[in-house]
């Protein structure tokens, strides 16, 4: 029953395919700077080693620094929140002693 349609006619969905072509300059750049960026994760014989992207990624240092920074920020936010709750409770106790 397509007589009553609140949102109007639906447009047909189309497939928007954008092909990816081989770019020689990009490939040369990857080979040149791959060692620096750790993009080239191949073994000594040039074969791809499964798990090489995962292995040692937590030891790079980025993970540890971000966890410490987040933990410190959470501690500060928790402490400020606790102090605000205590101040509100003190004001309630001071001004509403009748309750």
PDB file of N, CA and C in Angstrom:
ATOM      1  N   UNK A   1       0.847  -1.160   0.000  1.00  0.00           N
ATOM      2  CA  UNK A   1       0.000   0.000   0.000  1.00  0.00           C
ATOM      3  C   UNK A   1       0.900   1.233   0.000  1.00  0.00           C
ATOM      4  N   UNK A   2       1.316   1.636  -1.161  1.00  0.00           N
ATOM      5  CA  UNK A   2       2.205   2.770  -1.287  1.00  0.00           C
ATOM      6  C   UNK A   2       1.476   4.078  -1.482  1.00  0.00           C
ATOM      7  N   UNK A   3       0.199   4.134  -1.151  1.00  0.00           N
ATOM      8  CA  UNK A   3      -0.570   5.356  -1.356  1.00  0.00           C
ATOM      9  C   UNK A   3      -0.158   6.419  -0.341  1.00  0.00           C
ATOM     10  N   UNK A   4      -0.059   6.027   0.935  1.00  0.00           N
ATOM     11  CA  UNK A   4       0.286   6.981   1.983  1.00  0.00           C
ATOM     12  C   UNK A   4       1.758   6.808   2.341  1.00  0.00           C
ATOM     13  N   UNK A   5       2.569   7.758   1.936  1.00  0.00           N
ATOM     14  CA  UNK A   5       3.994   7.708   2.232  1.00  0.00           C
ATOM     15  C   UNK A   5       4.384   9.029   2.885  1.00  0.00           C
ATOM     16  N   UNK A   6       4.755   8.992   4.133  1.00  0.00           N
ATOM     17  CA  UNK A   6       5.053  10.200   4.894  1.00  0.00           C
ATOM     18  C   UNK A   6       6.331  10.890   4.422  1.00  0.00           C
ATOM     19  N   UNK A   7       7.286  10.138   3.924  1.00  0.00           N
ATOM     20  CA  UNK A   7       8.600  10.690   3.628  1.00  0.00           C
ATOM     21  C   UNK A   7       8.841  10.916   2.140  1.00  0.00           C
ATOM     22  N   UNK A   8       7.849  10.806   1.306  1.00  0.00           N
ATOM     23  CA  UNK A   8       8.011  11.026  -0.123  1.00  0.00           C
ATOM     24  C   UNK A   8       8.596   9.806  -0.810  1.00  0.00           C
ATOM     25  N   UNK A   9       8.930   9.967  -2.075  1.00  0.00           N
ATOM     26  CA  UNK A   9       9.485   8.859  -2.853  1.00  0.00           C
ATOM     27  C   UNK A   9      10.935   8.614  -2.456  1.00  0.00           C
ATOM     28  N   UNK A  10      11.278   7.362  -2.303  1.00  0.00           N
ATOM     29  CA  UNK A  10      12.652   6.989  -1.995  1.00  0.00           C
ATOM     30  C   UNK A  10      13.466   6.960  -3.283  1.00  0.00           C
ATOM     31  N   UNK A  11      14.678   7.503  -3.219  1.00  0.00           N
ATOM     32  CA  UNK A  11      15.555   7.445  -4.384  1.00  0.00           C
ATOM     33  C   UNK A  11      16.194   6.069  -4.458  1.00  0.00           C
ATOM     34  N   UNK A  12      16.493   5.652  -5.673  1.00  0.00           N
ATOM     35  CA  UNK A  12      17.161   4.381  -5.853  1.00  0.00           C
ATOM     36  C   UNK A  12      18.621   4.520  -5.452  1.00  0.00           C
ATOM     37  N   UNK A  13      19.129   3.516  -4.771  1.00  0.00           N
ATOM     38  CA  UNK A  13      20.533   3.538  -4.374  1.00  0.00           C
ATOM     39  C   UNK A  13      21.398   3.136  -5.561  1.00  0.00           C
ATOM     40  N   UNK A  14      22.495   3.832  -5.718  1.00  0.00           N
ATOM     41  CA  UNK A  14      23.423   3.505  -6.793  1.00  0.00           C
ATOM     42  C   UNK A  14      24.759   3.110  -6.191  1.00  0.00           C
ATOM     43  N   UNK A  15      25.505   2.338  -6.936  1.00  0.00           N
ATOM     44  CA  UNK A  15      26.815   1.879  -6.492  1.00  0.00           C
ATOM     45  C   UNK A  15      27.854   2.851  -7.017  1.00  0.00           C
ATOM     46  N   UNK A  16      28.574   3.511  -6.104  1.00  0.00           N
ATOM     47  CA  UNK A  16      29.579   4.496  -6.482  1.00  0.00           C
ATOM     48  C   UNK A  16      30.954   3.853  -6.344  1.00  0.00           C
ATOM     49  N   UNK A  17      31.454   3.281  -7.416  1.00  0.00           N
ATOM     50  CA  UNK A  17      32.740   2.580  -7.389  1.00  0.00           C
ATOM     51  C   UNK A  17      33.828   3.510  -7.897  1.00  0.00           C
ATOM     52  N   UNK A  18      34.849   3.698  -7.069  1.00  0.00           N
ATOM     53  CA  UNK A  18      35.998   4.496  -7.471  1.00  0.00           C
ATOM     54  C   UNK A  18      37.201   3.561  -7.551  1.00  0.00           C
ATOM     55  N   UNK A  19      37.657   3.232  -8.745  1.00  0.00           N
ATOM     56  CA  UNK A  19      38.752   2.275  -8.862  1.00  0.00           C
ATOM     57  C   UNK A  19      40.063   2.849  -8.335  1.00  0.00           C
ATOM     58  N   UNK A  20      40.886   1.975  -7.776  1.00  0.00           N
ATOM     59  CA  UNK A  20      42.189   2.355  -7.260  1.00  0.00           C
ATOM     60  C   UNK A  20      43.225   1.885  -8.272  1.00  0.00           C
ATOM     61  N   UNK A  21      44.009   2.806  -8.764  1.00  0.00           N
ATOM     62  CA  UNK A  21      45.006   2.480  -9.768  1.00  0.00           C
ATOM     63  C   UNK A  21      46.396   2.441  -9.147  1.00  0.00           C
ATOM     64  N   UNK A  22      47.299   1.782  -9.820  1.00  0.00           N
ATOM     65  CA  UNK A  22      48.689   1.691  -9.382  1.00  0.00           C
ATOM     66  C   UNK A  22      49.356   3.032  -9.619  1.00  0.00           C
ATOM     67  N   UNK A  23      49.981   3.565  -8.590  1.00  0.00           N
ATOM     68  CA  UNK A  23      50.695   4.826  -8.692  1.00  0.00           C
ATOM     69  C   UNK A  23      52.169   4.553  -8.432  1.00  0.00           C
ATOM     70  N   UNK A  24      52.989   4.783  -9.431  1.00  0.00           N
ATOM     71  CA  UNK A  24      54.411   4.461  -9.337  1.00  0.00           C
ATOM     72  C   UNK A  24      55.106   5.321  -8.278  1.00  0.00           C
ATOM     73  N   UNK A  25      54.776   6.605  -8.215  1.00  0.00           N
ATOM     74  CA  UNK A  25      55.419   7.502  -7.248  1.00  0.00           C
ATOM     75  C   UNK A  25      55.084   7.097  -5.815  1.00  0.00           C
ATOM     76  N   UNK A  26      53.845   6.741  -5.577  1.00  0.00           N
ATOM     77  CA  UNK A  26      53.445   6.321  -4.236  1.00  0.00           C
ATOM     78  C   UNK A  26      54.156   5.043  -3.837  1.00  0.00           C
ATOM     79  N   UNK A  27      54.284   4.109  -4.767  1.00  0.00           N
ATOM     80  CA  UNK A  27      54.966   2.852  -4.470  1.00  0.00           C
ATOM     81  C   UNK A  27      56.448   3.079  -4.181  1.00  0.00           C
ATOM     82  N   UNK A  28      57.088   3.976  -4.938  1.00  0.00           N
ATOM     83  CA  UNK A  28      58.496   4.296  -4.684  1.00  0.00           C
ATOM     84  C   UNK A  28      58.660   4.961  -3.320  1.00  0.00           C
ATOM     85  N   UNK A  29      57.721   5.848  -2.977  1.00  0.00           N
ATOM     86  CA  UNK A  29      57.774   6.507  -1.677  1.00  0.00           C
ATOM     87  C   UNK A  29      57.622   5.498  -0.544  1.00  0.00           C
ATOM     88  N   UNK A  30      56.743   4.523  -0.711  1.00  0.00           N
ATOM     89  CA  UNK A  30      56.560   3.495   0.315  1.00  0.00           C
ATOM     90  C   UNK A  30      57.809   2.656   0.484  1.00  0.00           C
ATOM     91  N   UNK A  31      58.465   2.320  -0.626  1.00  0.00           N
ATOM     92  CA  UNK A  31      59.689   1.533  -0.522  1.00  0.00           C
ATOM     93  C   UNK A  31      60.818   2.348   0.082  1.00  0.00           C
ATOM     94  N   UNK A  32      60.849   3.648  -0.217  1.00  0.00           N
ATOM     95  CA  UNK A  32      61.926   4.502   0.285  1.00  0.00           C
ATOM     96  C   UNK A  32      61.770   4.788   1.779  1.00  0.00           C
ATOM     97  N   UNK A  33      60.560   5.112   2.206  1.00  0.00           N
ATOM     98  CA  UNK A  33      60.323   5.495   3.592  1.00  0.00           C
ATOM     99  C   UNK A  33      59.657   4.396   4.404  1.00  0.00           C
ATOM    100  N   UNK A  34      59.541   3.216   3.865  1.00  0.00           N
ATOM    101  CA  UNK A  34      58.878   2.122   4.567  1.00  0.00           C
ATOM    102  C   UNK A  34      59.591   1.721   5.841  1.00  0.00           C
ATOM    103  N   UNK A  35      60.908   1.761   5.835  1.00  0.00           N
ATOM    104  CA  UNK A  35      61.676   1.393   7.027  1.00  0.00           C
ATOM    105  C   UNK A  35      61.421   2.395   8.153  1.00  0.00           C
ATOM    106  N   UNK A  36      61.283   3.656   7.801  1.00  0.00           N
ATOM    107  CA  UNK A  36      61.061   4.695   8.808  1.00  0.00           C
ATOM    108  C   UNK A  36      59.664   4.580   9.404  1.00  0.00           C
ATOM    109  N   UNK A  37      58.669   4.360   8.551  1.00  0.00           N
ATOM    110  CA  UNK A  37      57.278   4.317   8.994  1.00  0.00           C
ATOM    111  C   UNK A  37      56.824   2.943   9.444  1.00  0.00           C
ATOM    112  N   UNK A  38      57.700   1.938   9.382  1.00  0.00           N
ATOM    113  CA  UNK A  38      57.373   0.543   9.705  1.00  0.00           C
ATOM    114  C   UNK A  38      56.252   0.013   8.819  1.00  0.00           C
ATOM    115  N   UNK A  39      56.182   0.505   7.591  1.00  0.00           N
ATOM    116  CA  UNK A  39      55.179   0.010   6.654  1.00  0.00           C
ATOM    117  C   UNK A  39      55.655  -1.292   6.031  1.00  0.00           C
ATOM    118  N   UNK A  40      56.952  -1.392   5.802  1.00  0.00           N
ATOM    119  CA  UNK A  40      57.514  -2.566   5.144  1.00  0.00           C
ATOM    120  C   UNK A  40      57.721  -3.659   6.179  1.00  0.00           C
ATOM    121  N   UNK A  41      56.705  -4.488   6.387  1.00  0.00           N
ATOM    122  CA  UNK A  41      56.762  -5.550   7.391  1.00  0.00           C
ATOM    123  C   UNK A  41      56.997  -6.883   6.700  1.00  0.00           C
ATOM    124  N   UNK A  42      58.145  -7.037   6.100  1.00  0.00           N
ATOM    125  CA  UNK A  42      58.469  -8.288   5.426  1.00  0.00           C
ATOM    126  C   UNK A  42      59.684  -8.902   6.092  1.00  0.00           C
ATOM    127  N   UNK A  43      59.786 -10.182   5.975  1.00  0.00           N
ATOM    128  CA  UNK A  43      60.895 -10.904   6.571  1.00  0.00           C
ATOM    129  C   UNK A  43      62.189 -10.650   5.824  1.00  0.00           C
ATOM    130  N   UNK A  44      63.288 -11.291   6.272  1.00  0.00           N
ATOM    131  CA  UNK A  44      64.585 -11.070   5.631  1.00  0.00           C
ATOM    132  C   UNK A  44      64.630 -11.565   4.185  1.00  0.00           C
ATOM    133  N   UNK A  45      63.800 -12.530   3.839  1.00  0.00           N
ATOM    134  CA  UNK A  45      63.792 -13.041   2.473  1.00  0.00           C
ATOM    135  C   UNK A  45      62.757 -12.339   1.596  1.00  0.00           C
ATOM    136  N   UNK A  46      62.108 -11.301   2.104  1.00  0.00           N
ATOM    137  CA  UNK A  46      61.152 -10.535   1.317  1.00  0.00           C
ATOM    138  C   UNK A  46      59.732 -11.047   1.391  1.00  0.00           C
ATOM    139  N   UNK A  47      59.484 -12.079   2.167  1.00  0.00           N
ATOM    140  CA  UNK A  47      58.140 -12.638   2.308  1.00  0.00           C
ATOM    141  C   UNK A  47      57.396 -11.929   3.430  1.00  0.00           C
ATOM    142  N   UNK A  48      56.104 -11.864   3.287  1.00  0.00           N
ATOM    143  CA  UNK A  48      55.269 -11.271   4.328  1.00  0.00           C
ATOM    144  C   UNK A  48      55.203 -12.218   5.519  1.00  0.00           C
ATOM    145  N   UNK A  49      55.392 -11.669   6.715  1.00  0.00           N
ATOM    146  CA  UNK A  49      55.336 -12.461   7.938  1.00  0.00           C
ATOM    147  C   UNK A  49      54.015 -12.160   8.629  1.00  0.00           C
ATOM    148  N   UNK A  50      53.120 -13.149   8.755  1.00  0.00           N
ATOM    149  CA  UNK A  50      51.841 -12.896   9.415  1.00  0.00           C
ATOM    150  C   UNK A  50      52.041 -12.480  10.871  1.00  0.00           C
ATOM    151  N   UNK A  51      51.288 -11.485  11.303  1.00  0.00           N
ATOM    152  CA  UNK A  51      51.363 -11.010  12.676  1.00  0.00           C
ATOM    153  C   UNK A  51      52.458  -9.995  12.907  1.00  0.00           C
ATOM    154  N   UNK A  52      53.174  -9.600  11.880  1.00  0.00           N
ATOM    155  CA  UNK A  52      54.278  -8.667  12.078  1.00  0.00           C
ATOM    156  C   UNK A  52      53.780  -7.269  12.420  1.00  0.00           C
ATOM    157  N   UNK A  53      52.562  -6.933  12.027  1.00  0.00           N
ATOM    158  CA  UNK A  53      52.011  -5.635  12.390  1.00  0.00           C
ATOM    159  C   UNK A  53      51.620  -5.605  13.864  1.00  0.00           C
ATOM    160  N   UNK A  54      51.213  -6.734  14.388  1.00  0.00           N
ATOM    161  CA  UNK A  54      50.758  -6.800  15.769  1.00  0.00           C
ATOM    162  C   UNK A  54      51.930  -6.979  16.722  1.00  0.00           C
ATOM    163  N   UNK A  55      52.877  -7.807  16.325  1.00  0.00           N
ATOM    164  CA  UNK A  55      53.980  -8.160  17.208  1.00  0.00           C
ATOM    165  C   UNK A  55      54.799  -6.921  17.567  1.00  0.00           C
ATOM    166  N   UNK A  56      54.899  -6.630  18.829  1.00  0.00           N
ATOM    167  CA  UNK A  56      55.702  -5.512  19.305  1.00  0.00           C
ATOM    168  C   UNK A  56      55.030  -4.163  19.193  1.00  0.00           C
ATOM    169  N   UNK A  57      53.783  -4.105  18.762  1.00  0.00           N
ATOM    170  CA  UNK A  57      53.142  -2.808  18.597  1.00  0.00           C
ATOM    171  C   UNK A  57      52.869  -2.139  19.942  1.00  0.00           C
ATOM    172  N   UNK A  58      52.634  -2.929  20.992  1.00  0.00           N
ATOM    173  CA  UNK A  58      52.410  -2.338  22.310  1.00  0.00           C
ATOM    174  C   UNK A  58      53.718  -1.907  22.957  1.00  0.00           C
ATOM    175  N   UNK A  59      54.822  -2.433  22.471  1.00  0.00           N
ATOM    176  CA  UNK A  59      56.113  -2.058  23.035  1.00  0.00           C
ATOM    177  C   UNK A  59      56.681  -0.797  22.411  1.00  0.00           C
ATOM    178  N   UNK A  60      55.995  -0.219  21.442  1.00  0.00           N
ATOM    179  CA  UNK A  60      56.499   0.980  20.787  1.00  0.00           C
ATOM    180  C   UNK A  60      56.457   2.189  21.709  1.00  0.00           C
ATOM    181  N   UNK A  61      55.666   2.166  22.734  1.00  0.00           N
ATOM    182  CA  UNK A  61      55.622   3.265  23.686  1.00  0.00           C
ATOM    183  C   UNK A  61      54.380   4.115  23.567  1.00  0.00           C
ATOM    184  N   UNK A  62      53.727   4.131  22.442  1.00  0.00           N
ATOM    185  CA  UNK A  62      52.540   4.968  22.274  1.00  0.00           C
ATOM    186  C   UNK A  62      51.400   4.498  23.158  1.00  0.00           C
ATOM    187  N   UNK A  63      51.265   3.197  23.305  1.00  0.00           N
ATOM    188  CA  UNK A  63      50.180   2.652  24.115  1.00  0.00           C
ATOM    189  C   UNK A  63      50.356   3.036  25.578  1.00  0.00           C
ATOM    190  N   UNK A  64      51.544   2.868  26.114  1.00  0.00           N
ATOM    191  CA  UNK A  64      51.787   3.152  27.524  1.00  0.00           C
ATOM    192  C   UNK A  64      51.579   4.628  27.840  1.00  0.00           C
ATOM    193  N   UNK A  65      52.047   5.505  26.962  1.00  0.00           N
ATOM    194  CA  UNK A  65      51.895   6.931  27.231  1.00  0.00           C
ATOM    195  C   UNK A  65      50.430   7.345  27.225  1.00  0.00           C
ATOM    196  N   UNK A  66      49.656   6.807  26.315  1.00  0.00           N
ATOM    197  CA  UNK A  66      48.254   7.208  26.241  1.00  0.00           C
ATOM    198  C   UNK A  66      47.473   6.689  27.446  1.00  0.00           C
ATOM    199  N   UNK A  67      47.797   5.501  27.930  1.00  0.00           N
ATOM    200  CA  UNK A  67      47.093   4.955  29.088  1.00  0.00           C
ATOM    201  C   UNK A  67      47.417   5.781  30.324  1.00  0.00           C
ATOM    202  N   UNK A  68      48.664   6.175  30.505  1.00  0.00           N
ATOM    203  CA  UNK A  68      49.032   6.982  31.666  1.00  0.00           C
ATOM    204  C   UNK A  68      48.362   8.349  31.614  1.00  0.00           C
ATOM    205  N   UNK A  69      48.317   8.955  30.440  1.00  0.00           N
ATOM    206  CA  UNK A  69      47.697  10.271  30.316  1.00  0.00           C
ATOM    207  C   UNK A  69      46.203  10.183  30.599  1.00  0.00           C
ATOM    208  N   UNK A  70      45.547   9.158  30.082  1.00  0.00           N
ATOM    209  CA  UNK A  70      44.116   9.004  30.327  1.00  0.00           C
ATOM    210  C   UNK A  70      43.843   8.715  31.793  1.00  0.00           C
ATOM    211  N   UNK A  71      44.671   7.899  32.407  1.00  0.00           N
ATOM    212  CA  UNK A  71      44.485   7.547  33.807  1.00  0.00           C
ATOM    213  C   UNK A  71      44.658   8.779  34.690  1.00  0.00           C
ATOM    214  N   UNK A  72      45.638   9.621  34.381  1.00  0.00           N
ATOM    215  CA  UNK A  72      45.866  10.831  35.166  1.00  0.00           C
ATOM    216  C   UNK A  72      44.676  11.787  35.031  1.00  0.00           C
ATOM    217  N   UNK A  73      44.168  11.943  33.825  1.00  0.00           N
ATOM    218  CA  UNK A  73      43.021  12.824  33.605  1.00  0.00           C
ATOM    219  C   UNK A  73      41.787  12.293  34.329  1.00  0.00           C
ATOM    220  N   UNK A  74      41.590  10.984  34.318  1.00  0.00           N
ATOM    221  CA  UNK A  74      40.445  10.406  35.017  1.00  0.00           C
ATOM    222  C   UNK A  74      40.564  10.614  36.520  1.00  0.00           C
ATOM    223  N   UNK A  75      41.768  10.507  37.052  1.00  0.00           N
ATOM    224  CA  UNK A  75      41.962  10.740  38.484  1.00  0.00           C
ATOM    225  C   UNK A  75      41.632  12.181  38.852  1.00  0.00           C
ATOM    226  N   UNK A  76      42.059  13.127  38.033  1.00  0.00           N
ATOM    227  CA  UNK A  76      41.791  14.540  38.317  1.00  0.00           C
ATOM    228  C   UNK A  76      40.290  14.823  38.236  1.00  0.00           C
ATOM    229  N   UNK A  77      39.632  14.304  37.214  1.00  0.00           N
ATOM    230  CA  UNK A  77      38.187  14.519  37.063  1.00  0.00           C
ATOM    231  C   UNK A  77      37.429  13.891  38.226  1.00  0.00           C
ATOM    232  N   UNK A  78      37.826  12.709  38.642  1.00  0.00           N
ATOM    233  CA  UNK A  78      37.176  12.052  39.773  1.00  0.00           C
ATOM    234  C   UNK A  78      37.361  12.819  41.062  1.00  0.00           C
ATOM    235  N   UNK A  79      38.560  13.349  41.283  1.00  0.00           N
ATOM    236  CA  UNK A  79      38.839  14.115  42.501  1.00  0.00           C
ATOM    237  C   UNK A  79      38.029  15.408  42.532  1.00  0.00           C
ATOM    238  N   UNK A  80      37.964  16.118  41.413  1.00  0.00           N
ATOM    239  CA  UNK A  80      37.184  17.361  41.348  1.00  0.00           C
ATOM    240  C   UNK A  80      35.699  17.063  41.557  1.00  0.00           C
ATOM    241  N   UNK A  81      35.206  15.988  40.970  1.00  0.00           N
ATOM    242  CA  UNK A  81      33.809  15.606  41.156  1.00  0.00           C
ATOM    243  C   UNK A  81      33.500  15.272  42.601  1.00  0.00           C
ATOM    244  N   UNK A  82      34.401  14.553  43.255  1.00  0.00           N
ATOM    245  CA  UNK A  82      34.212  14.201  44.662  1.00  0.00           C
ATOM    246  C   UNK A  82      34.194  15.446  45.546  1.00  0.00           C
ATOM    247  N   UNK A  83      35.077  16.391  45.273  1.00  0.00           N
ATOM    248  CA  UNK A  83      35.109  17.636  46.047  1.00  0.00           C
ATOM    249  C   UNK A  83      33.808  18.420  45.848  1.00  0.00           C
ATOM    250  N   UNK A  84      33.304  18.474  44.610  1.00  0.00           N
ATOM    251  CA  UNK A  84      32.046  19.185  44.363  1.00  0.00           C
ATOM    252  C   UNK A  84      30.872  18.528  45.079  1.00  0.00           C
ATOM    253  N   UNK A  85      30.833  17.211  45.105  1.00  0.00           N
ATOM    254  CA  UNK A  85      29.755  16.511  45.810  1.00  0.00           C
ATOM    255  C   UNK A  85      29.818  16.811  47.302  1.00  0.00           C
ATOM    256  N   UNK A  86      31.009  16.825  47.870  1.00  0.00           N
ATOM    257  CA  UNK A  86      31.160  17.124  49.301  1.00  0.00           C
ATOM    258  C   UNK A  86      30.709  18.552  49.599  1.00  0.00           C
ATOM    259  N   UNK A  87      31.075  19.508  48.737  1.00  0.00           N
ATOM    260  CA  UNK A  87      30.670  20.903  48.948  1.00  0.00           C
ATOM    261  C   UNK A  87      29.148  21.037  48.878  1.00  0.00           C
ATOM    262  N   UNK A  88      28.516  20.381  47.927  1.00  0.00           N
ATOM    263  CA  UNK A  88      27.053  20.438  47.809  1.00  0.00           C
ATOM    264  C   UNK A  88      26.397  19.828  49.041  1.00  0.00           C
ATOM    265  N   UNK A  89      26.914  18.716  49.528  1.00  0.00           N
ATOM    266  CA  UNK A  89      26.349  18.095  50.733  1.00  0.00           C
ATOM    267  C   UNK A  89      26.517  18.988  51.958  1.00  0.00           C
ATOM    268  N   UNK A  90      27.644  19.683  52.061  1.00  0.00           N
ATOM    269  CA  UNK A  90      27.846  20.606  53.187  1.00  0.00           C
ATOM    270  C   UNK A  90      26.857  21.770  53.126  1.00  0.00           C
ATOM    271  N   UNK A  91      26.626  22.329  51.924  1.00  0.00           N
ATOM    272  CA  UNK A  91      25.650  23.409  51.801  1.00  0.00           C
ATOM    273  C   UNK A  91      24.241  22.931  52.133  1.00  0.00           C
ATOM    274  N   UNK A  92      23.896  21.746  51.703  1.00  0.00           N
ATOM    275  CA  UNK A  92      22.572  21.206  52.029  1.00  0.00           C
ATOM    276  C   UNK A  92      22.437  21.019  53.536  1.00  0.00           C
ATOM    277  N   UNK A  93      23.475  20.509  54.177  1.00  0.00           N
ATOM    278  CA  UNK A  93      23.428  20.295  55.630  1.00  0.00           C
ATOM    279  C   UNK A  93      23.379  21.625  56.382  1.00  0.00           C
ATOM    280  N   UNK A  94      24.021  22.652  55.855  1.00  0.00           N
ATOM    281  CA  UNK A  94      24.072  23.939  56.544  1.00  0.00           C
ATOM    282  C   UNK A  94      22.745  24.698  56.432  1.00  0.00           C
ATOM    283  N   UNK A  95      22.159  24.764  55.249  1.00  0.00           N
ATOM    284  CA  UNK A  95      20.985  25.596  55.026  1.00  0.00           C
ATOM    285  C   UNK A  95      19.665  24.866  55.250  1.00  0.00           C
ATOM    286  N   UNK A  96      19.644  23.556  55.228  1.00  0.00           N
ATOM    287  CA  UNK A  96      18.408  22.808  55.407  1.00  0.00           C
ATOM    288  C   UNK A  96      18.494  21.929  56.651  1.00  0.00           C
ATOM    289  N   UNK A  97      18.788  22.543  57.769  1.00  0.00           N
ATOM    290  CA  UNK A  97      18.887  21.778  59.013  1.00  0.00           C
ATOM    291  C   UNK A  97      17.509  21.403  59.548  1.00  0.00           C
ATOM    292  N   UNK A  98      16.464  22.004  59.010  1.00  0.00           N
ATOM    293  CA  UNK A  98      15.114  21.699  59.462  1.00  0.00           C
ATOM    294  C   UNK A  98      14.719  20.281  59.056  1.00  0.00           C
ATOM    295  N   UNK A  99      15.210  19.818  57.916  1.00  0.00           N
ATOM    296  CA  UNK A  99      14.851  18.486  57.446  1.00  0.00           C
ATOM    297  C   UNK A  99      15.433  17.500  58.403  1.00  0.00           C
TER     298      UNK A  99
END
